[in-house]
Amino acid sequence: MKVLIEFEVDGATFEDNFTGEVLSVLQQAAVKICNQSTREDGCVCTTPEADDILLDNNGKRIGTVGLEQ
């Protein structure tokens, strides 16, 4: 199994506090990975759900997080 985390760091929120914002996104990803791990076996999502999407502190969608078999 793999954990895939991908997000853009080009937004304004990263300009003011890059390290703090990256840490915040990674903490968010950790929670979302735990939530994803409780999905039923065989669950195949064809569209992103809330636990698949990463947001910056301004609420802008910046990336995704997921578990891959």
PDB file of N, CA and C in Angstrom:
ATOM      1  N   MET A   1       0.843  -1.171   0.000  1.00  0.00           N
ATOM      2  CA  MET A   1       0.000   0.000   0.000  1.00  0.00           C
ATOM      3  C   MET A   1       0.892   1.239   0.000  1.00  0.00           C
ATOM      4  N   LYS A   2       0.415   2.279  -0.667  1.00  0.00           N
ATOM      5  CA  LYS A   2       1.137   3.547  -0.737  1.00  0.00           C
ATOM      6  C   LYS A   2       0.233   4.675  -0.265  1.00  0.00           C
ATOM      7  N   VAL A   3       0.852   5.689   0.284  1.00  0.00           N
ATOM      8  CA  VAL A   3       0.166   6.939   0.589  1.00  0.00           C
ATOM      9  C   VAL A   3       0.667   7.960  -0.424  1.00  0.00           C
ATOM     10  N   LEU A   4      -0.257   8.546  -1.148  1.00  0.00           N
ATOM     11  CA  LEU A   4       0.092   9.544  -2.151  1.00  0.00           C
ATOM     12  C   LEU A   4      -0.423  10.906  -1.707  1.00  0.00           C
ATOM     13  N   ILE A   5       0.495  11.858  -1.542  1.00  0.00           N
ATOM     14  CA  ILE A   5       0.145  13.220  -1.148  1.00  0.00           C
ATOM     15  C   ILE A   5       0.734  14.152  -2.201  1.00  0.00           C
ATOM     16  N   GLU A   6      -0.122  14.983  -2.777  1.00  0.00           N
ATOM     17  CA  GLU A   6       0.340  15.921  -3.798  1.00  0.00           C
ATOM     18  C   GLU A   6      -0.425  17.228  -3.621  1.00  0.00           C
ATOM     19  N   PHE A   7       0.341  18.341  -3.543  1.00  0.00           N
ATOM     20  CA  PHE A   7      -0.317  19.638  -3.444  1.00  0.00           C
ATOM     21  C   PHE A   7       0.579  20.749  -3.974  1.00  0.00           C
ATOM     22  N   GLU A   8      -0.085  21.791  -4.461  1.00  0.00           N
ATOM     23  CA  GLU A   8       0.595  22.962  -5.010  1.00  0.00           C
ATOM     24  C   GLU A   8       0.943  23.928  -3.877  1.00  0.00           C
ATOM     25  N   VAL A   9       2.087  24.585  -3.992  1.00  0.00           N
ATOM     26  CA  VAL A   9       2.516  25.550  -2.976  1.00  0.00           C
ATOM     27  C   VAL A   9       2.705  26.942  -3.582  1.00  0.00           C
ATOM     28  N   ASP A  10       1.958  27.221  -4.653  1.00  0.00           N
ATOM     29  CA  ASP A  10       2.107  28.493  -5.347  1.00  0.00           C
ATOM     30  C   ASP A  10       1.183  29.581  -4.822  1.00  0.00           C
ATOM     31  N   GLY A  11       0.231  29.253  -3.970  1.00  0.00           N
ATOM     32  CA  GLY A  11      -0.761  30.220  -3.516  1.00  0.00           C
ATOM     33  C   GLY A  11      -0.207  31.256  -2.557  1.00  0.00           C
ATOM     34  N   ALA A  12      -0.977  32.311  -2.371  1.00  0.00           N
ATOM     35  CA  ALA A  12      -0.582  33.421  -1.509  1.00  0.00           C
ATOM     36  C   ALA A  12      -0.380  32.981  -0.061  1.00  0.00           C
ATOM     37  N   THR A  13      -1.153  32.015   0.389  1.00  0.00           N
ATOM     38  CA  THR A  13      -1.038  31.571   1.775  1.00  0.00           C
ATOM     39  C   THR A  13       0.340  30.986   2.077  1.00  0.00           C
ATOM     40  N   PHE A  14       1.020  30.442   1.057  1.00  0.00           N
ATOM     41  CA  PHE A  14       2.364  29.889   1.258  1.00  0.00           C
ATOM     42  C   PHE A  14       3.436  30.975   1.258  1.00  0.00           C
ATOM     43  N   GLU A  15       3.139  32.136   0.702  1.00  0.00           N
ATOM     44  CA  GLU A  15       4.126  33.220   0.644  1.00  0.00           C
ATOM     45  C   GLU A  15       4.437  33.771   2.024  1.00  0.00           C
ATOM     46  N   ASP A  16       3.428  33.877   2.873  1.00  0.00           N
ATOM     47  CA  ASP A  16       3.612  34.482   4.190  1.00  0.00           C
ATOM     48  C   ASP A  16       4.272  33.549   5.192  1.00  0.00           C
ATOM     49  N   ASN A  17       3.941  32.265   5.133  1.00  0.00           N
ATOM     50  CA  ASN A  17       4.444  31.308   6.118  1.00  0.00           C
ATOM     51  C   ASN A  17       4.563  29.936   5.466  1.00  0.00           C
ATOM     52  N   PHE A  18       5.541  29.761   4.609  1.00  0.00           N
ATOM     53  CA  PHE A  18       5.680  28.527   3.835  1.00  0.00           C
ATOM     54  C   PHE A  18       5.737  27.288   4.732  1.00  0.00           C
ATOM     55  N   THR A  19       6.642  27.289   5.685  1.00  0.00           N
ATOM     56  CA  THR A  19       6.838  26.117   6.529  1.00  0.00           C
ATOM     57  C   THR A  19       5.592  25.799   7.347  1.00  0.00           C
ATOM     58  N   GLY A  20       4.991  26.809   7.917  1.00  0.00           N
ATOM     59  CA  GLY A  20       3.784  26.601   8.713  1.00  0.00           C
ATOM     60  C   GLY A  20       2.630  26.075   7.886  1.00  0.00           C
ATOM     61  N   GLU A  21       2.490  26.575   6.671  1.00  0.00           N
ATOM     62  CA  GLU A  21       1.400  26.129   5.805  1.00  0.00           C
ATOM     63  C   GLU A  21       1.618  24.691   5.351  1.00  0.00           C
ATOM     64  N   VAL A  22       2.850  24.337   5.005  1.00  0.00           N
ATOM     65  CA  VAL A  22       3.148  22.951   4.608  1.00  0.00           C
ATOM     66  C   VAL A  22       2.850  22.015   5.778  1.00  0.00           C
ATOM     67  N   LEU A  23       3.258  22.392   6.966  1.00  0.00           N
ATOM     68  CA  LEU A  23       2.980  21.572   8.146  1.00  0.00           C
ATOM     69  C   LEU A  23       1.478  21.405   8.348  1.00  0.00           C
ATOM     70  N   SER A  24       0.724  22.463   8.177  1.00  0.00           N
ATOM     71  CA  SER A  24      -0.727  22.410   8.322  1.00  0.00           C
ATOM     72  C   SER A  24      -1.355  21.453   7.306  1.00  0.00           C
ATOM     73  N   VAL A  25      -0.903  21.516   6.061  1.00  0.00           N
ATOM     74  CA  VAL A  25      -1.438  20.636   5.014  1.00  0.00           C
ATOM     75  C   VAL A  25      -1.085  19.178   5.308  1.00  0.00           C
ATOM     76  N   LEU A  26       0.128  18.921   5.779  1.00  0.00           N
ATOM     77  CA  LEU A  26       0.525  17.543   6.094  1.00  0.00           C
ATOM     78  C   LEU A  26      -0.258  16.990   7.290  1.00  0.00           C
ATOM     79  N   GLN A  27      -0.560  17.837   8.264  1.00  0.00           N
ATOM     80  CA  GLN A  27      -1.392  17.403   9.389  1.00  0.00           C
ATOM     81  C   GLN A  27      -2.808  17.079   8.899  1.00  0.00           C
ATOM     82  N   GLN A  28      -3.315  17.912   8.007  1.00  0.00           N
ATOM     83  CA  GLN A  28      -4.626  17.664   7.405  1.00  0.00           C
ATOM     84  C   GLN A  28      -4.615  16.336   6.652  1.00  0.00           C
ATOM     85  N   ALA A  29      -3.532  16.086   5.913  1.00  0.00           N
ATOM     86  CA  ALA A  29      -3.414  14.841   5.149  1.00  0.00           C
ATOM     87  C   ALA A  29      -3.433  13.633   6.075  1.00  0.00           C
ATOM     88  N   ALA A  30      -2.770  13.729   7.213  1.00  0.00           N
ATOM     89  CA  ALA A  30      -2.729  12.611   8.159  1.00  0.00           C
ATOM     90  C   ALA A  30      -4.131  12.244   8.632  1.00  0.00           C
ATOM     91  N   VAL A  31      -4.940  13.233   8.940  1.00  0.00           N
ATOM     92  CA  VAL A  31      -6.318  12.988   9.386  1.00  0.00           C
ATOM     93  C   VAL A  31      -7.121  12.344   8.261  1.00  0.00           C
ATOM     94  N   LYS A  32      -6.939  12.853   7.058  1.00  0.00           N
ATOM     95  CA  LYS A  32      -7.712  12.346   5.920  1.00  0.00           C
ATOM     96  C   LYS A  32      -7.307  10.915   5.552  1.00  0.00           C
ATOM     97  N   ILE A  33      -6.034  10.582   5.709  1.00  0.00           N
ATOM     98  CA  ILE A  33      -5.579   9.212   5.464  1.00  0.00           C
ATOM     99  C   ILE A  33      -6.242   8.262   6.463  1.00  0.00           C
ATOM    100  N   CYS A  34      -6.300   8.669   7.723  1.00  0.00           N
ATOM    101  CA  CYS A  34      -6.971   7.838   8.735  1.00  0.00           C
ATOM    102  C   CYS A  34      -8.440   7.658   8.382  1.00  0.00           C
ATOM    103  N   ASN A  35      -9.106   8.708   7.934  1.00  0.00           N
ATOM    104  CA  ASN A  35     -10.511   8.608   7.532  1.00  0.00           C
ATOM    105  C   ASN A  35     -10.673   7.675   6.341  1.00  0.00           C
ATOM    106  N   GLN A  36      -9.769   7.767   5.381  1.00  0.00           N
ATOM    107  CA  GLN A  36      -9.847   6.905   4.200  1.00  0.00           C
ATOM    108  C   GLN A  36      -9.655   5.445   4.569  1.00  0.00           C
ATOM    109  N   SER A  37      -8.830   5.182   5.549  1.00  0.00           N
ATOM    110  CA  SER A  37      -8.546   3.793   5.924  1.00  0.00           C
ATOM    111  C   SER A  37      -9.758   3.094   6.523  1.00  0.00           C
ATOM    112  N   THR A  38     -10.781   3.841   6.894  1.00  0.00           N
ATOM    113  CA  THR A  38     -11.990   3.238   7.461  1.00  0.00           C
ATOM    114  C   THR A  38     -13.052   2.963   6.402  1.00  0.00           C
ATOM    115  N   ARG A  39     -12.784   3.307   5.147  1.00  0.00           N
ATOM    116  CA  ARG A  39     -13.734   3.010   4.079  1.00  0.00           C
ATOM    117  C   ARG A  39     -13.877   1.505   3.917  1.00  0.00           C
ATOM    118  N   GLU A  40     -15.039   1.078   3.477  1.00  0.00           N
ATOM    119  CA  GLU A  40     -15.277  -0.347   3.286  1.00  0.00           C
ATOM    120  C   GLU A  40     -14.343  -0.911   2.220  1.00  0.00           C
ATOM    121  N   ASP A  41     -13.934  -2.152   2.410  1.00  0.00           N
ATOM    122  CA  ASP A  41     -13.107  -2.831   1.414  1.00  0.00           C
ATOM    123  C   ASP A  41     -13.839  -2.851   0.075  1.00  0.00           C
ATOM    124  N   GLY A  42     -13.102  -2.614  -0.968  1.00  0.00           N
ATOM    125  CA  GLY A  42     -13.686  -2.634  -2.304  1.00  0.00           C
ATOM    126  C   GLY A  42     -14.336  -1.327  -2.714  1.00  0.00           C
ATOM    127  N   CYS A  43     -14.316  -0.331  -1.827  1.00  0.00           N
ATOM    128  CA  CYS A  43     -14.899   0.967  -2.142  1.00  0.00           C
ATOM    129  C   CYS A  43     -14.058   1.624  -3.235  1.00  0.00           C
ATOM    130  N   VAL A  44     -14.674   1.913  -4.359  1.00  0.00           N
ATOM    131  CA  VAL A  44     -13.987   2.573  -5.460  1.00  0.00           C
ATOM    132  C   VAL A  44     -14.674   3.913  -5.704  1.00  0.00           C
ATOM    133  N   CYS A  45     -13.959   4.978  -5.434  1.00  0.00           N
ATOM    134  CA  CYS A  45     -14.525   6.311  -5.598  1.00  0.00           C
ATOM    135  C   CYS A  45     -14.110   6.854  -6.961  1.00  0.00           C
ATOM    136  N   THR A  46     -15.062   7.308  -7.724  1.00  0.00           N
ATOM    137  CA  THR A  46     -14.755   7.838  -9.049  1.00  0.00           C
ATOM    138  C   THR A  46     -14.675   9.353  -9.050  1.00  0.00           C
ATOM    139  N   THR A  47     -15.129   9.994  -7.978  1.00  0.00           N
ATOM    140  CA  THR A  47     -14.994  11.439  -7.839  1.00  0.00           C
ATOM    141  C   THR A  47     -14.400  11.726  -6.467  1.00  0.00           C
ATOM    142  N   PRO A  48     -13.628  12.802  -6.361  1.00  0.00           N
ATOM    143  CA  PRO A  48     -13.016  13.113  -5.061  1.00  0.00           C
ATOM    144  C   PRO A  48     -14.064  13.393  -3.993  1.00  0.00           C
ATOM    145  N   GLU A  49     -13.845  12.853  -2.828  1.00  0.00           N
ATOM    146  CA  GLU A  49     -14.678  13.130  -1.665  1.00  0.00           C
ATOM    147  C   GLU A  49     -13.904  14.076  -0.752  1.00  0.00           C
ATOM    148  N   ALA A  50     -14.535  14.551   0.294  1.00  0.00           N
ATOM    149  CA  ALA A  50     -13.895  15.498   1.203  1.00  0.00           C
ATOM    150  C   ALA A  50     -12.571  14.971   1.748  1.00  0.00           C
ATOM    151  N   ASP A  51     -12.503  13.670   2.023  1.00  0.00           N
ATOM    152  CA  ASP A  51     -11.274  13.108   2.587  1.00  0.00           C
ATOM    153  C   ASP A  51     -10.194  12.848   1.536  1.00  0.00           C
ATOM    154  N   ASP A  52     -10.453  13.177   0.287  1.00  0.00           N
ATOM    155  CA  ASP A  52      -9.464  13.032  -0.782  1.00  0.00           C
ATOM    156  C   ASP A  52      -8.824  14.368  -1.153  1.00  0.00           C
ATOM    157  N   ILE A  53      -9.400  15.460  -0.700  1.00  0.00           N
ATOM    158  CA  ILE A  53      -9.009  16.795  -1.149  1.00  0.00           C
ATOM    159  C   ILE A  53      -8.275  17.547  -0.038  1.00  0.00           C
ATOM    160  N   LEU A  54      -7.163  18.180  -0.401  1.00  0.00           N
ATOM    161  CA  LEU A  54      -6.412  19.013   0.530  1.00  0.00           C
ATOM    162  C   LEU A  54      -6.715  20.481   0.247  1.00  0.00           C
ATOM    163  N   LEU A  55      -6.889  21.246   1.326  1.00  0.00           N
ATOM    164  CA  LEU A  55      -7.197  22.669   1.230  1.00  0.00           C
ATOM    165  C   LEU A  55      -6.131  23.472   1.953  1.00  0.00           C
ATOM    166  N   ASP A  56      -5.862  24.691   1.457  1.00  0.00           N
ATOM    167  CA  ASP A  56      -4.965  25.567   2.202  1.00  0.00           C
ATOM    168  C   ASP A  56      -5.771  26.258   3.304  1.00  0.00           C
ATOM    169  N   ASN A  57      -5.112  27.105   4.091  1.00  0.00           N
ATOM    170  CA  ASN A  57      -5.790  27.774   5.202  1.00  0.00           C
ATOM    171  C   ASN A  57      -6.835  28.781   4.743  1.00  0.00           C
ATOM    172  N   ASN A  58      -6.837  29.117   3.465  1.00  0.00           N
ATOM    173  CA  ASN A  58      -7.862  30.006   2.906  1.00  0.00           C
ATOM    174  C   ASN A  58      -9.044  29.219   2.347  1.00  0.00           C
ATOM    175  N   GLY A  59      -8.986  27.888   2.434  1.00  0.00           N
ATOM    176  CA  GLY A  59     -10.066  27.052   1.938  1.00  0.00           C
ATOM    177  C   GLY A  59      -9.991  26.740   0.458  1.00  0.00           C
ATOM    178  N   LYS A  60      -8.872  27.079  -0.169  1.00  0.00           N
ATOM    179  CA  LYS A  60      -8.680  26.815  -1.595  1.00  0.00           C
ATOM    180  C   LYS A  60      -8.165  25.389  -1.794  1.00  0.00           C
ATOM    181  N   ARG A  61      -8.744  24.687  -2.765  1.00  0.00           N
ATOM    182  CA  ARG A  61      -8.292  23.332  -3.083  1.00  0.00           C
ATOM    183  C   ARG A  61      -6.883  23.391  -3.676  1.00  0.00           C
ATOM    184  N   ILE A  62      -5.948  22.673  -3.055  1.00  0.00           N
ATOM    185  CA  ILE A  62      -4.550  22.727  -3.511  1.00  0.00           C
ATOM    186  C   ILE A  62      -3.994  21.364  -3.911  1.00  0.00           C
ATOM    187  N   GLY A  63      -4.707  20.285  -3.595  1.00  0.00           N
ATOM    188  CA  GLY A  63      -4.172  18.976  -3.951  1.00  0.00           C
ATOM    189  C   GLY A  63      -5.028  17.849  -3.439  1.00  0.00           C
ATOM    190  N   THR A  64      -4.401  16.655  -3.431  1.00  0.00           N
ATOM    191  CA  THR A  64      -5.108  15.440  -3.047  1.00  0.00           C
ATOM    192  C   THR A  64      -4.229  14.566  -2.157  1.00  0.00           C
ATOM    193  N   VAL A  65      -4.903  13.685  -1.454  1.00  0.00           N
ATOM    194  CA  VAL A  65      -4.241  12.668  -0.652  1.00  0.00           C
ATOM    195  C   VAL A  65      -5.006  11.369  -0.855  1.00  0.00           C
ATOM    196  N   GLY A  66      -4.284  10.255  -0.927  1.00  0.00           N
ATOM    197  CA  GLY A  66      -4.983   8.997  -1.144  1.00  0.00           C
ATOM    198  C   GLY A  66      -4.159   7.784  -0.782  1.00  0.00           C
ATOM    199  N   LEU A  67      -4.862   6.696  -0.565  1.00  0.00           N
ATOM    200  CA  LEU A  67      -4.242   5.399  -0.329  1.00  0.00           C
ATOM    201  C   LEU A  67      -4.347   4.601  -1.618  1.00  0.00           C
ATOM    202  N   GLU A  68      -3.258   3.960  -1.992  1.00  0.00           N
ATOM    203  CA  GLU A  68      -3.226   3.147  -3.208  1.00  0.00           C
ATOM    204  C   GLU A  68      -2.769   1.754  -2.845  1.00  0.00           C
ATOM    205  N   GLN A  69      -3.465   0.764  -3.373  1.00  0.00           N
ATOM    206  CA  GLN A  69      -3.121  -0.643  -3.089  1.00  0.00           C
ATOM    207  C   GLN A  69      -1.874  -1.050  -3.810  1.00  0.00           C
TER     208      GLN A  69
END
